[in-house]
Structures are given as C-alpha cells and as structure tokens.
Amino acid sequence: MSNIPTKIDFIKAIEKAKKNAVERGESNLELQAKDLHKELGYYPGPNHRMKTCCGSMYDSMNTSNGDEVVSAPESGYGASLIIRYNL
C-alpha cells in the first residue's frame, strides 16, 4: 500500500503536470482538485487529504503570471476547486 500523499507529493504532481503541458505546447493548464488527488491516491476515501491538496494548488499559483481560480467551493477547499496555471 502506498503512503498517504503529503503537500510535497501534491506540489511535485502539479509541477509535473505543468511540465507535461508545456511539452505538449499548451499555454495554460487547468487542474481540478479531485483529479489531482485521485492521481495520487486515497481519494475518495476516509483518509483523503483534500485540504492539503487544495492548499498545495493555491501555493503553486503565481498570480503575477496570471494564474487564477476558475471555480472553488464556498470554503475554498474541496474536490471542485479548479485553478488555471499560465505556463
């Protein structure tokens, strides 16, 4: 069984997704929290780390580069969070 994902795991996955998008020639990347968390495991489930996932997504934003929240739940943390990262 794999380890429960940490903030570092989420940030590494975000950076990898950005790199892959650049290699595909994309100018931006939209990530949804539920998809990112599913990729790393433990979601859905009782041991999910959705708040950590969303916090990592926010921490990976560069607003001076135009990164923006496309959609977010009222609390700011949840599976429906979508962030657009400009590459």
PDB file of N, CA and C in Angstrom:
ATOM      1  N   MET A   1       0.842  -1.181   0.000  1.00  0.00           N
ATOM      2  CA  MET A   1       0.000   0.000   0.000  1.00  0.00           C
ATOM      3  C   MET A   1       0.884   1.240   0.000  1.00  0.00           C
ATOM      4  N   SER A   2       0.539   2.217  -0.797  1.00  0.00           N
ATOM      5  CA  SER A   2       1.357   3.420  -0.894  1.00  0.00           C
ATOM      6  C   SER A   2       1.083   4.353   0.280  1.00  0.00           C
ATOM      7  N   ASN A   3       1.957   5.328   0.433  1.00  0.00           N
ATOM      8  CA  ASN A   3       1.811   6.291   1.512  1.00  0.00           C
ATOM      9  C   ASN A   3       0.735   7.314   1.183  1.00  0.00           C
ATOM     10  N   ILE A   4       0.104   7.832   2.225  1.00  0.00           N
ATOM     11  CA  ILE A   4      -0.870   8.906   2.047  1.00  0.00           C
ATOM     12  C   ILE A   4      -0.111  10.122   1.518  1.00  0.00           C
ATOM     13  N   PRO A   5      -0.633  10.787   0.471  1.00  0.00           N
ATOM     14  CA  PRO A   5       0.101  11.902  -0.133  1.00  0.00           C
ATOM     15  C   PRO A   5       0.267  13.087   0.818  1.00  0.00           C
ATOM     16  N   THR A   6       1.424  13.722   0.710  1.00  0.00           N
ATOM     17  CA  THR A   6       1.761  14.898   1.507  1.00  0.00           C
ATOM     18  C   THR A   6       1.725  16.137   0.617  1.00  0.00           C
ATOM     19  N   LYS A   7       1.896  17.288   1.233  1.00  0.00           N
ATOM     20  CA  LYS A   7       1.934  18.544   0.476  1.00  0.00           C
ATOM     21  C   LYS A   7       3.029  18.486  -0.589  1.00  0.00           C
ATOM     22  N   ILE A   8       4.167  17.958  -0.231  1.00  0.00           N
ATOM     23  CA  ILE A   8       5.276  17.851  -1.188  1.00  0.00           C
ATOM     24  C   ILE A   8       4.877  16.975  -2.368  1.00  0.00           C
ATOM     25  N   ASP A   9       4.183  15.875  -2.110  1.00  0.00           N
ATOM     26  CA  ASP A   9       3.721  14.996  -3.192  1.00  0.00           C
ATOM     27  C   ASP A   9       2.779  15.739  -4.135  1.00  0.00           C
ATOM     28  N   PHE A  10       1.855  16.506  -3.560  1.00  0.00           N
ATOM     29  CA  PHE A  10       0.917  17.254  -4.399  1.00  0.00           C
ATOM     30  C   PHE A  10       1.648  18.309  -5.229  1.00  0.00           C
ATOM     31  N   ILE A  11       2.567  19.028  -4.609  1.00  0.00           N
ATOM     32  CA  ILE A  11       3.299  20.070  -5.340  1.00  0.00           C
ATOM     33  C   ILE A  11       4.130  19.457  -6.462  1.00  0.00           C
ATOM     34  N   LYS A  12       4.779  18.334  -6.200  1.00  0.00           N
ATOM     35  CA  LYS A  12       5.546  17.655  -7.257  1.00  0.00           C
ATOM     36  C   LYS A  12       4.638  17.235  -8.406  1.00  0.00           C
ATOM     37  N   ALA A  13       3.444  16.744  -8.096  1.00  0.00           N
ATOM     38  CA  ALA A  13       2.500  16.324  -9.140  1.00  0.00           C
ATOM     39  C   ALA A  13       2.021  17.520  -9.960  1.00  0.00           C
ATOM     40  N   ILE A  14       1.815  18.654  -9.304  1.00  0.00           N
ATOM     41  CA  ILE A  14       1.407  19.870 -10.018  1.00  0.00           C
ATOM     42  C   ILE A  14       2.526  20.313 -10.953  1.00  0.00           C
ATOM     43  N   GLU A  15       3.745  20.337 -10.457  1.00  0.00           N
ATOM     44  CA  GLU A  15       4.885  20.745 -11.291  1.00  0.00           C
ATOM     45  C   GLU A  15       5.061  19.801 -12.478  1.00  0.00           C
ATOM     46  N   LYS A  16       4.868  18.520 -12.253  1.00  0.00           N
ATOM     47  CA  LYS A  16       4.970  17.545 -13.344  1.00  0.00           C
ATOM     48  C   LYS A  16       3.877  17.792 -14.384  1.00  0.00           C
ATOM     49  N   ALA A  17       2.667  18.059 -13.933  1.00  0.00           N
ATOM     50  CA  ALA A  17       1.562  18.335 -14.858  1.00  0.00           C
ATOM     51  C   ALA A  17       1.840  19.594 -15.672  1.00  0.00           C
ATOM     52  N   LYS A  18       2.408  20.614 -15.026  1.00  0.00           N
ATOM     53  CA  LYS A  18       2.767  21.850 -15.744  1.00  0.00           C
ATOM     54  C   LYS A  18       3.827  21.557 -16.803  1.00  0.00           C
ATOM     55  N   LYS A  19       4.849  20.802 -16.417  1.00  0.00           N
ATOM     56  CA  LYS A  19       5.928  20.463 -17.350  1.00  0.00           C
ATOM     57  C   LYS A  19       5.383  19.692 -18.545  1.00  0.00           C
ATOM     58  N   ASN A  20       4.524  18.722 -18.288  1.00  0.00           N
ATOM     59  CA  ASN A  20       3.936  17.938 -19.377  1.00  0.00           C
ATOM     60  C   ASN A  20       3.097  18.810 -20.301  1.00  0.00           C
ATOM     61  N   ALA A  21       2.370  19.763 -19.740  1.00  0.00           N
ATOM     62  CA  ALA A  21       1.550  20.667 -20.557  1.00  0.00           C
ATOM     63  C   ALA A  21       2.434  21.542 -21.441  1.00  0.00           C
ATOM     64  N   VAL A  22       3.537  22.023 -20.897  1.00  0.00           N
ATOM     65  CA  VAL A  22       4.481  22.827 -21.688  1.00  0.00           C
ATOM     66  C   VAL A  22       5.032  21.990 -22.834  1.00  0.00           C
ATOM     67  N   GLU A  23       5.395  20.753 -22.548  1.00  0.00           N
ATOM     68  CA  GLU A  23       5.935  19.867 -23.586  1.00  0.00           C
ATOM     69  C   GLU A  23       4.917  19.589 -24.684  1.00  0.00           C
ATOM     70  N   ARG A  24       3.630  19.668 -24.344  1.00  0.00           N
ATOM     71  CA  ARG A  24       2.571  19.494 -25.349  1.00  0.00           C
ATOM     72  C   ARG A  24       2.271  20.795 -26.087  1.00  0.00           C
ATOM     73  N   GLY A  25       2.946  21.872 -25.704  1.00  0.00           N
ATOM     74  CA  GLY A  25       2.758  23.155 -26.370  1.00  0.00           C
ATOM     75  C   GLY A  25       1.569  23.957 -25.866  1.00  0.00           C
ATOM     76  N   GLU A  26       1.048  23.602 -24.709  1.00  0.00           N
ATOM     77  CA  GLU A  26      -0.100  24.314 -24.157  1.00  0.00           C
ATOM     78  C   GLU A  26       0.352  25.594 -23.466  1.00  0.00           C
ATOM     79  N   SER A  27      -0.515  26.604 -23.476  1.00  0.00           N
ATOM     80  CA  SER A  27      -0.179  27.884 -22.847  1.00  0.00           C
ATOM     81  C   SER A  27      -0.709  27.987 -21.419  1.00  0.00           C
ATOM     82  N   ASN A  28      -1.616  27.082 -21.060  1.00  0.00           N
ATOM     83  CA  ASN A  28      -2.098  27.057 -19.681  1.00  0.00           C
ATOM     84  C   ASN A  28      -2.537  25.642 -19.329  1.00  0.00           C
ATOM     85  N   LEU A  29      -2.744  25.444 -18.047  1.00  0.00           N
ATOM     86  CA  LEU A  29      -3.161  24.142 -17.532  1.00  0.00           C
ATOM     87  C   LEU A  29      -4.242  24.368 -16.490  1.00  0.00           C
ATOM     88  N   GLU A  30      -5.379  23.721 -16.661  1.00  0.00           N
ATOM     89  CA  GLU A  30      -6.429  23.754 -15.647  1.00  0.00           C
ATOM     90  C   GLU A  30      -6.406  22.437 -14.886  1.00  0.00           C
ATOM     91  N   LEU A  31      -6.282  22.548 -13.582  1.00  0.00           N
ATOM     92  CA  LEU A  31      -6.279  21.365 -12.718  1.00  0.00           C
ATOM     93  C   LEU A  31      -7.474  21.416 -11.778  1.00  0.00           C
ATOM     94  N   GLN A  32      -8.136  20.279 -11.618  1.00  0.00           N
ATOM     95  CA  GLN A  32      -9.216  20.164 -10.647  1.00  0.00           C
ATOM     96  C   GLN A  32      -8.714  19.312  -9.491  1.00  0.00           C
ATOM     97  N   ALA A  33      -9.036  19.746  -8.295  1.00  0.00           N
ATOM     98  CA  ALA A  33      -8.534  19.082  -7.090  1.00  0.00           C
ATOM     99  C   ALA A  33      -8.868  17.594  -7.056  1.00  0.00           C
ATOM    100  N   LYS A  34     -10.083  17.227  -7.434  1.00  0.00           N
ATOM    101  CA  LYS A  34     -10.445  15.802  -7.348  1.00  0.00           C
ATOM    102  C   LYS A  34      -9.585  14.954  -8.273  1.00  0.00           C
ATOM    103  N   ASP A  35      -9.252  15.473  -9.459  1.00  0.00           N
ATOM    104  CA  ASP A  35      -8.426  14.720 -10.404  1.00  0.00           C
ATOM    105  C   ASP A  35      -6.991  14.582  -9.899  1.00  0.00           C
ATOM    106  N   LEU A  36      -6.454  15.680  -9.361  1.00  0.00           N
ATOM    107  CA  LEU A  36      -5.096  15.650  -8.818  1.00  0.00           C
ATOM    108  C   LEU A  36      -5.015  14.655  -7.661  1.00  0.00           C
ATOM    109  N   HIS A  37      -5.983  14.715  -6.763  1.00  0.00           N
ATOM    110  CA  HIS A  37      -5.959  13.832  -5.595  1.00  0.00           C
ATOM    111  C   HIS A  37      -6.139  12.373  -6.015  1.00  0.00           C
ATOM    112  N   LYS A  38      -7.029  12.098  -6.960  1.00  0.00           N
ATOM    113  CA  LYS A  38      -7.224  10.719  -7.437  1.00  0.00           C
ATOM    114  C   LYS A  38      -5.930  10.155  -8.016  1.00  0.00           C
ATOM    115  N   GLU A  39      -5.181  11.006  -8.720  1.00  0.00           N
ATOM    116  CA  GLU A  39      -3.914  10.571  -9.322  1.00  0.00           C
ATOM    117  C   GLU A  39      -2.944  10.075  -8.257  1.00  0.00           C
ATOM    118  N   LEU A  40      -2.947  10.717  -7.102  1.00  0.00           N
ATOM    119  CA  LEU A  40      -2.019  10.350  -6.032  1.00  0.00           C
ATOM    120  C   LEU A  40      -2.604   9.334  -5.058  1.00  0.00           C
ATOM    121  N   GLY A  41      -3.878   9.064  -5.180  1.00  0.00           N
ATOM    122  CA  GLY A  41      -4.498   8.047  -4.344  1.00  0.00           C
ATOM    123  C   GLY A  41      -5.207   8.587  -3.115  1.00  0.00           C
ATOM    124  N   TYR A  42      -5.898   7.690  -2.447  1.00  0.00           N
ATOM    125  CA  TYR A  42      -6.634   7.951  -1.213  1.00  0.00           C
ATOM    126  C   TYR A  42      -7.829   8.873  -1.396  1.00  0.00           C
ATOM    127  N   TYR A  43      -8.260   9.091  -2.630  1.00  0.00           N
ATOM    128  CA  TYR A  43      -9.480   9.867  -2.859  1.00  0.00           C
ATOM    129  C   TYR A  43     -10.308   9.177  -3.913  1.00  0.00           C
ATOM    130  N   PRO A  44     -11.583   8.993  -3.705  1.00  0.00           N
ATOM    131  CA  PRO A  44     -12.286   9.301  -2.455  1.00  0.00           C
ATOM    132  C   PRO A  44     -11.989   8.244  -1.395  1.00  0.00           C
ATOM    133  N   GLY A  45     -12.179   8.598  -0.167  1.00  0.00           N
ATOM    134  CA  GLY A  45     -11.968   7.660   0.920  1.00  0.00           C
ATOM    135  C   GLY A  45     -11.841   8.368   2.250  1.00  0.00           C
ATOM    136  N   PRO A  46     -11.865   7.604   3.323  1.00  0.00           N
ATOM    137  CA  PRO A  46     -11.833   8.207   4.659  1.00  0.00           C
ATOM    138  C   PRO A  46     -10.489   8.843   5.011  1.00  0.00           C
ATOM    139  N   ASN A  47      -9.431   8.478   4.312  1.00  0.00           N
ATOM    140  CA  ASN A  47      -8.104   9.032   4.602  1.00  0.00           C
ATOM    141  C   ASN A  47      -7.675  10.083   3.589  1.00  0.00           C
ATOM    142  N   HIS A  48      -8.654  10.701   2.916  1.00  0.00           N
ATOM    143  CA  HIS A  48      -8.291  11.687   1.892  1.00  0.00           C
ATOM    144  C   HIS A  48      -7.584  12.882   2.522  1.00  0.00           C
ATOM    145  N   ARG A  49      -6.882  13.612   1.692  1.00  0.00           N
ATOM    146  CA  ARG A  49      -6.148  14.805   2.113  1.00  0.00           C
ATOM    147  C   ARG A  49      -6.525  15.974   1.202  1.00  0.00           C
ATOM    148  N   MET A  50      -7.834  16.172   1.021  1.00  0.00           N
ATOM    149  CA  MET A  50      -8.303  17.191   0.090  1.00  0.00           C
ATOM    150  C   MET A  50      -7.855  18.591   0.493  1.00  0.00           C
ATOM    151  N   LYS A  51      -7.883  18.904   1.788  1.00  0.00           N
ATOM    152  CA  LYS A  51      -7.453  20.242   2.211  1.00  0.00           C
ATOM    153  C   LYS A  51      -5.979  20.458   1.880  1.00  0.00           C
ATOM    154  N   THR A  52      -5.166  19.450   2.069  1.00  0.00           N
ATOM    155  CA  THR A  52      -3.748  19.544   1.720  1.00  0.00           C
ATOM    156  C   THR A  52      -3.580  19.679   0.215  1.00  0.00           C
ATOM    157  N   CYS A  53      -4.361  18.932  -0.539  1.00  0.00           N
ATOM    158  CA  CYS A  53      -4.326  19.000  -1.998  1.00  0.00           C
ATOM    159  C   CYS A  53      -4.641  20.419  -2.464  1.00  0.00           C
ATOM    160  N   CYS A  54      -5.739  20.969  -1.960  1.00  0.00           N
ATOM    161  CA  CYS A  54      -6.153  22.314  -2.371  1.00  0.00           C
ATOM    162  C   CYS A  54      -5.136  23.365  -1.924  1.00  0.00           C
ATOM    163  N   GLY A  55      -4.622  23.225  -0.711  1.00  0.00           N
ATOM    164  CA  GLY A  55      -3.608  24.160  -0.236  1.00  0.00           C
ATOM    165  C   GLY A  55      -2.377  24.146  -1.122  1.00  0.00           C
ATOM    166  N   SER A  56      -2.002  22.973  -1.576  1.00  0.00           N
ATOM    167  CA  SER A  56      -0.855  22.844  -2.479  1.00  0.00           C
ATOM    168  C   SER A  56      -1.144  23.506  -3.820  1.00  0.00           C
ATOM    169  N   MET A  57      -2.380  23.369  -4.287  1.00  0.00           N
ATOM    170  CA  MET A  57      -2.764  24.014  -5.546  1.00  0.00           C
ATOM    171  C   MET A  57      -2.683  25.533  -5.412  1.00  0.00           C
ATOM    172  N   TYR A  58      -3.194  26.065  -4.299  1.00  0.00           N
ATOM    173  CA  TYR A  58      -3.112  27.513  -4.070  1.00  0.00           C
ATOM    174  C   TYR A  58      -1.654  27.958  -3.956  1.00  0.00           C
ATOM    175  N   ASP A  59      -0.853  27.207  -3.222  1.00  0.00           N
ATOM    176  CA  ASP A  59       0.554  27.570  -3.031  1.00  0.00           C
ATOM    177  C   ASP A  59       1.347  27.523  -4.331  1.00  0.00           C
ATOM    178  N   SER A  60       0.878  26.749  -5.305  1.00  0.00           N
ATOM    179  CA  SER A  60       1.568  26.631  -6.592  1.00  0.00           C
ATOM    180  C   SER A  60       1.172  27.728  -7.573  1.00  0.00           C
ATOM    181  N   MET A  61       0.248  28.583  -7.151  1.00  0.00           N
ATOM    182  CA  MET A  61      -0.185  29.672  -8.031  1.00  0.00           C
ATOM    183  C   MET A  61       0.850  30.787  -8.074  1.00  0.00           C
ATOM    184  N   ASN A  62       0.956  31.416  -9.247  1.00  0.00           N
ATOM    185  CA  ASN A  62       1.771  32.609  -9.430  1.00  0.00           C
ATOM    186  C   ASN A  62       0.837  33.668 -10.004  1.00  0.00           C
ATOM    187  N   THR A  63       0.220  34.443  -9.119  1.00  0.00           N
ATOM    188  CA  THR A  63      -0.779  35.409  -9.579  1.00  0.00           C
ATOM    189  C   THR A  63      -0.167  36.499 -10.446  1.00  0.00           C
ATOM    190  N   SER A  64       1.117  36.798 -10.261  1.00  0.00           N
ATOM    191  CA  SER A  64       1.751  37.805 -11.118  1.00  0.00           C
ATOM    192  C   SER A  64       1.911  37.292 -12.546  1.00  0.00           C
ATOM    193  N   ASN A  65       1.797  35.982 -12.730  1.00  0.00           N
ATOM    194  CA  ASN A  65       1.849  35.369 -14.060  1.00  0.00           C
ATOM    195  C   ASN A  65       0.441  35.156 -14.621  1.00  0.00           C
ATOM    196  N   GLY A  66      -0.566  35.543 -13.844  1.00  0.00           N
ATOM    197  CA  GLY A  66      -1.937  35.422 -14.315  1.00  0.00           C
ATOM    198  C   GLY A  66      -2.653  34.151 -13.904  1.00  0.00           C
ATOM    199  N   ASP A  67      -2.039  33.337 -13.044  1.00  0.00           N
ATOM    200  CA  ASP A  67      -2.729  32.141 -12.557  1.00  0.00           C
ATOM    201  C   ASP A  67      -3.993  32.579 -11.827  1.00  0.00           C
ATOM    202  N   GLU A  68      -5.073  31.799 -11.978  1.00  0.00           N
ATOM    203  CA  GLU A  68      -6.328  32.216 -11.363  1.00  0.00           C
ATOM    204  C   GLU A  68      -7.183  31.029 -10.945  1.00  0.00           C
ATOM    205  N   VAL A  69      -8.023  31.290  -9.960  1.00  0.00           N
ATOM    206  CA  VAL A  69      -9.010  30.309  -9.523  1.00  0.00           C
ATOM    207  C   VAL A  69     -10.181  30.405 -10.489  1.00  0.00           C
ATOM    208  N   VAL A  70     -10.477  29.311 -11.165  1.00  0.00           N
ATOM    209  CA  VAL A  70     -11.588  29.259 -12.116  1.00  0.00           C
ATOM    210  C   VAL A  70     -12.889  28.981 -11.378  1.00  0.00           C
ATOM    211  N   SER A  71     -12.822  28.077 -10.407  1.00  0.00           N
ATOM    212  CA  SER A  71     -14.005  27.674  -9.651  1.00  0.00           C
ATOM    213  C   SER A  71     -13.549  27.146  -8.302  1.00  0.00           C
ATOM    214  N   ALA A  72     -14.319  27.486  -7.272  1.00  0.00           N
ATOM    215  CA  ALA A  72     -13.969  26.995  -5.935  1.00  0.00           C
ATOM    216  C   ALA A  72     -15.235  26.810  -5.112  1.00  0.00           C
ATOM    217  N   PRO A  73     -15.230  25.821  -4.234  1.00  0.00           N
ATOM    218  CA  PRO A  73     -16.359  25.676  -3.318  1.00  0.00           C
ATOM    219  C   PRO A  73     -16.358  26.844  -2.329  1.00  0.00           C
ATOM    220  N   GLU A  74     -17.447  27.021  -1.644  1.00  0.00           N
ATOM    221  CA  GLU A  74     -17.586  28.146  -0.719  1.00  0.00           C
ATOM    222  C   GLU A  74     -16.458  28.200   0.304  1.00  0.00           C
ATOM    223  N   SER A  75     -16.038  27.056   0.794  1.00  0.00           N
ATOM    224  CA  SER A  75     -14.973  27.011   1.804  1.00  0.00           C
ATOM    225  C   SER A  75     -13.594  27.285   1.210  1.00  0.00           C
ATOM    226  N   GLY A  76     -13.487  27.174  -0.119  1.00  0.00           N
ATOM    227  CA  GLY A  76     -12.195  27.326  -0.777  1.00  0.00           C
ATOM    228  C   GLY A  76     -11.437  26.019  -0.911  1.00  0.00           C
ATOM    229  N   TYR A  77     -11.888  25.005  -0.195  1.00  0.00           N
ATOM    230  CA  TYR A  77     -11.212  23.713  -0.189  1.00  0.00           C
ATOM    231  C   TYR A  77     -12.214  22.612  -0.496  1.00  0.00           C
ATOM    232  N   GLY A  78     -11.992  21.901  -1.592  1.00  0.00           N
ATOM    233  CA  GLY A  78     -12.888  20.810  -1.941  1.00  0.00           C
ATOM    234  C   GLY A  78     -12.580  20.277  -3.319  1.00  0.00           C
ATOM    235  N   ALA A  79     -13.206  19.170  -3.645  1.00  0.00           N
ATOM    236  CA  ALA A  79     -12.941  18.462  -4.896  1.00  0.00           C
ATOM    237  C   ALA A  79     -13.233  19.295  -6.135  1.00  0.00           C
ATOM    238  N   SER A  80     -14.118  20.284  -6.017  1.00  0.00           N
ATOM    239  CA  SER A  80     -14.500  21.074  -7.192  1.00  0.00           C
ATOM    240  C   SER A  80     -13.556  22.240  -7.478  1.00  0.00           C
ATOM    241  N   LEU A  81     -12.536  22.450  -6.659  1.00  0.00           N
ATOM    242  CA  LEU A  81     -11.580  23.531  -6.903  1.00  0.00           C
ATOM    243  C   LEU A  81     -10.895  23.331  -8.251  1.00  0.00           C
ATOM    244  N   ILE A  82     -10.911  24.384  -9.073  1.00  0.00           N
ATOM    245  CA  ILE A  82     -10.212  24.371 -10.363  1.00  0.00           C
ATOM    246  C   ILE A  82      -9.340  25.612 -10.429  1.00  0.00           C
ATOM    247  N   ILE A  83      -8.076  25.420 -10.749  1.00  0.00           N
ATOM    248  CA  ILE A  83      -7.134  26.527 -10.912  1.00  0.00           C
ATOM    249  C   ILE A  83      -6.529  26.445 -12.298  1.00  0.00           C
ATOM    250  N   ARG A  84      -6.432  27.618 -12.943  1.00  0.00           N
ATOM    251  CA  ARG A  84      -5.770  27.715 -14.251  1.00  0.00           C
ATOM    252  C   ARG A  84      -4.379  28.307 -14.021  1.00  0.00           C
ATOM    253  N   TYR A  85      -3.383  27.523 -14.402  1.00  0.00           N
ATOM    254  CA  TYR A  85      -1.988  27.955 -14.312  1.00  0.00           C
ATOM    255  C   TYR A  85      -1.534  28.374 -15.705  1.00  0.00           C
ATOM    256  N   ASN A  86      -1.028  29.594 -15.826  1.00  0.00           N
ATOM    257  CA  ASN A  86      -0.454  30.029 -17.098  1.00  0.00           C
ATOM    258  C   ASN A  86       0.981  29.533 -17.171  1.00  0.00           C
ATOM    259  N   LEU A  87       1.340  29.031 -18.340  1.00  0.00           N
ATOM    260  CA  LEU A  87       2.651  28.384 -18.486  1.00  0.00           C
ATOM    261  C   LEU A  87       3.619  29.248 -19.271  1.00  0.00           C
TER     262      LEU A  87
END
